[in-house]
Amino acid sequence: MLAPGQHVCHRWQTSFQNFVDDLEHATPANPGRRYLSLKAKDLGFTPENVEWHFHSTVKVRSRSEKAVEMAREQARDGRRKMIAEQYRQWEVKMAQRKK
């Protein structure tokens, strides 16, 4: 079912064989539940604007990407805290030298 504003190109509406011909080269060889997704949601379903996704890999990929991003963020925060602490220690040493 298409969402409002999405359309299927006329070539695909007129013939299922056209659909098969247009996507045959891009169809994954792996078996499994897959679906077509739009690259740009406002352009509709056309040969240039669709890509295949697998139900099982999309969820795993997005979760793992989130986990990787969280790990990177934690590492960045750790480095920032370490640098801030080193700077604070340096300021304390410089203040003690001036006395």
C-alpha atoms as a PDB file:
ATOM      1  CA  MET A   1       0.000   0.000   0.000  1.00  0.00           C
ATOM      2  CA  LEU A   2       1.354   3.413  -0.939  1.00  0.00           C
ATOM      3  CA  ALA A   3       1.380   6.363   1.389  1.00  0.00           C
ATOM      4  CA  PRO A   4      -0.314   9.570   0.229  1.00  0.00           C
ATOM      5  CA  GLY A   5       1.841  11.410  -2.273  1.00  0.00           C
ATOM      6  CA  GLN A   6       3.785   8.314  -3.364  1.00  0.00           C
ATOM      7  CA  HIS A   7       3.345   7.008  -6.863  1.00  0.00           C
ATOM      8  CA  VAL A   8       4.499   4.170  -9.071  1.00  0.00           C
ATOM      9  CA  CYS A   9       5.896   5.041 -12.484  1.00  0.00           C
ATOM     10  CA  HIS A  10       3.587   4.458 -15.447  1.00  0.00           C
ATOM     11  CA  ARG A  11       5.981   1.900 -16.972  1.00  0.00           C
ATOM     12  CA  TRP A  12       5.601  -0.370 -13.939  1.00  0.00           C
ATOM     13  CA  GLN A  13       1.849   0.138 -13.730  1.00  0.00           C
ATOM     14  CA  THR A  14       1.368  -1.054 -17.307  1.00  0.00           C
ATOM     15  CA  SER A  15       3.431  -4.241 -17.126  1.00  0.00           C
ATOM     16  CA  PHE A  16       4.842  -6.431 -14.394  1.00  0.00           C
ATOM     17  CA  GLN A  17       7.473  -7.592 -16.891  1.00  0.00           C
ATOM     18  CA  ASN A  18       8.736  -3.990 -17.154  1.00  0.00           C
ATOM     19  CA  PHE A  19       9.126  -3.978 -13.375  1.00  0.00           C
ATOM     20  CA  VAL A  20      11.093  -7.242 -13.503  1.00  0.00           C
ATOM     21  CA  ASP A  21      13.245  -6.019 -16.395  1.00  0.00           C
ATOM     22  CA  ASP A  22      14.084  -2.749 -14.648  1.00  0.00           C
ATOM     23  CA  LEU A  23      15.045  -4.328 -11.327  1.00  0.00           C
ATOM     24  CA  GLU A  24      16.508  -7.642 -12.443  1.00  0.00           C
ATOM     25  CA  HIS A  25      20.089  -6.356 -12.245  1.00  0.00           C
ATOM     26  CA  ALA A  26      19.515  -4.806  -8.802  1.00  0.00           C
ATOM     27  CA  THR A  27      17.618  -7.686  -7.190  1.00  0.00           C
ATOM     28  CA  PRO A  28      19.690  -9.410  -4.503  1.00  0.00           C
ATOM     29  CA  ALA A  29      20.436 -13.082  -5.109  1.00  0.00           C
ATOM     30  CA  ASN A  30      20.013 -13.882  -1.406  1.00  0.00           C
ATOM     31  CA  PRO A  31      16.729 -15.470  -0.496  1.00  0.00           C
ATOM     32  CA  GLY A  32      14.705 -13.944   2.275  1.00  0.00           C
ATOM     33  CA  ARG A  33      12.058 -11.389   2.983  1.00  0.00           C
ATOM     34  CA  ARG A  34      13.040  -8.225   1.178  1.00  0.00           C
ATOM     35  CA  TYR A  35      11.219  -5.084   0.238  1.00  0.00           C
ATOM     36  CA  LEU A  36      11.695  -2.066  -1.964  1.00  0.00           C
ATOM     37  CA  SER A  37      12.511   1.168  -0.233  1.00  0.00           C
ATOM     38  CA  LEU A  38      12.585   4.657  -1.675  1.00  0.00           C
ATOM     39  CA  LYS A  39      15.883   6.522  -1.779  1.00  0.00           C
ATOM     40  CA  ALA A  40      14.096   9.894  -1.965  1.00  0.00           C
ATOM     41  CA  LYS A  41      10.589   9.677  -0.540  1.00  0.00           C
ATOM     42  CA  ASP A  42       9.178  12.550  -2.597  1.00  0.00           C
ATOM     43  CA  LEU A  43      10.118  11.024  -6.000  1.00  0.00           C
ATOM     44  CA  GLY A  44       7.999   7.866  -5.868  1.00  0.00           C
ATOM     45  CA  PHE A  45       8.712   4.351  -7.109  1.00  0.00           C
ATOM     46  CA  THR A  46      10.848   4.570 -10.231  1.00  0.00           C
ATOM     47  CA  PRO A  47      13.776   2.397 -11.368  1.00  0.00           C
ATOM     48  CA  GLU A  48      16.311   5.026 -10.274  1.00  0.00           C
ATOM     49  CA  ASN A  49      14.735   5.728  -6.894  1.00  0.00           C
ATOM     50  CA  VAL A  50      14.370   2.290  -5.274  1.00  0.00           C
ATOM     51  CA  GLU A  51      16.678  -0.067  -3.420  1.00  0.00           C
ATOM     52  CA  TRP A  52      16.202  -3.473  -1.841  1.00  0.00           C
ATOM     53  CA  HIS A  53      16.283  -3.976   1.920  1.00  0.00           C
ATOM     54  CA  PHE A  54      16.068  -7.140   3.973  1.00  0.00           C
ATOM     55  CA  HIS A  55      13.811  -7.161   7.018  1.00  0.00           C
ATOM     56  CA  SER A  56      16.318  -9.012   9.188  1.00  0.00           C
ATOM     57  CA  THR A  57      19.407  -6.961   8.268  1.00  0.00           C
ATOM     58  CA  VAL A  58      17.847  -3.516   8.475  1.00  0.00           C
ATOM     59  CA  LYS A  59      17.006  -3.897  12.158  1.00  0.00           C
ATOM     60  CA  VAL A  60      20.361  -5.427  13.052  1.00  0.00           C
ATOM     61  CA  ARG A  61      22.265  -2.829  11.082  1.00  0.00           C
ATOM     62  CA  SER A  62      20.462   0.110  12.639  1.00  0.00           C
ATOM     63  CA  ARG A  63      20.934  -1.287  16.147  1.00  0.00           C
ATOM     64  CA  SER A  64      24.608  -1.952  15.577  1.00  0.00           C
ATOM     65  CA  GLU A  65      25.085   1.503  14.069  1.00  0.00           C
ATOM     66  CA  LYS A  66      23.469   3.019  17.143  1.00  0.00           C
ATOM     67  CA  ALA A  67      25.713   0.953  19.401  1.00  0.00           C
ATOM     68  CA  VAL A  68      28.813   2.006  17.469  1.00  0.00           C
ATOM     69  CA  GLU A  69      27.767   5.660  17.593  1.00  0.00           C
ATOM     70  CA  MET A  70      27.140   5.442  21.347  1.00  0.00           C
ATOM     71  CA  ALA A  71      30.569   3.870  21.871  1.00  0.00           C
ATOM     72  CA  ARG A  72      32.206   6.627  19.823  1.00  0.00           C
ATOM     73  CA  GLU A  73      30.335   9.272  21.785  1.00  0.00           C
ATOM     74  CA  GLN A  74      31.405   7.747  25.098  1.00  0.00           C
ATOM     75  CA  ALA A  75      35.012   7.603  23.899  1.00  0.00           C
ATOM     76  CA  ARG A  76      34.843  11.266  22.838  1.00  0.00           C
ATOM     77  CA  ASP A  77      33.390  12.229  26.207  1.00  0.00           C
ATOM     78  CA  GLY A  78      36.120  10.277  27.971  1.00  0.00           C
ATOM     79  CA  ARG A  79      38.827  12.047  25.959  1.00  0.00           C
ATOM     80  CA  ARG A  80      37.249  15.440  26.659  1.00  0.00           C
ATOM     81  CA  LYS A  81      37.132  14.729  30.394  1.00  0.00           C
ATOM     82  CA  MET A  82      40.744  13.537  30.369  1.00  0.00           C
ATOM     83  CA  ILE A  83      41.921  16.663  28.532  1.00  0.00           C
ATOM     84  CA  ALA A  84      39.911  18.909  30.861  1.00  0.00           C
ATOM     85  CA  GLU A  85      41.446  17.195  33.900  1.00  0.00           C
ATOM     86  CA  GLN A  86      44.967  17.523  32.479  1.00  0.00           C
ATOM     87  CA  TYR A  87      44.358  21.216  31.794  1.00  0.00           C
ATOM     88  CA  ARG A  88      43.026  21.723  35.323  1.00  0.00           C
ATOM     89  CA  GLN A  89      46.117  20.028  36.771  1.00  0.00           C
ATOM     90  CA  TRP A  90      48.370  22.196  34.593  1.00  0.00           C
ATOM     91  CA  GLU A  91      46.578  25.346  35.823  1.00  0.00           C
ATOM     92  CA  VAL A  92      47.076  24.237  39.434  1.00  0.00           C
ATOM     93  CA  LYS A  93      50.809  23.678  38.807  1.00  0.00           C
ATOM     94  CA  MET A  94      51.148  27.076  37.129  1.00  0.00           C
ATOM     95  CA  ALA A  95      49.341  28.786  40.003  1.00  0.00           C
ATOM     96  CA  GLN A  96      51.682  27.076  42.528  1.00  0.00           C
ATOM     97  CA  ARG A  97      54.775  28.231  40.604  1.00  0.00           C
ATOM     98  CA  LYS A  98      53.632  31.863  40.742  1.00  0.00           C
ATOM     99  CA  LYS A  99      53.410  31.765  44.556  1.00  0.00           C
END
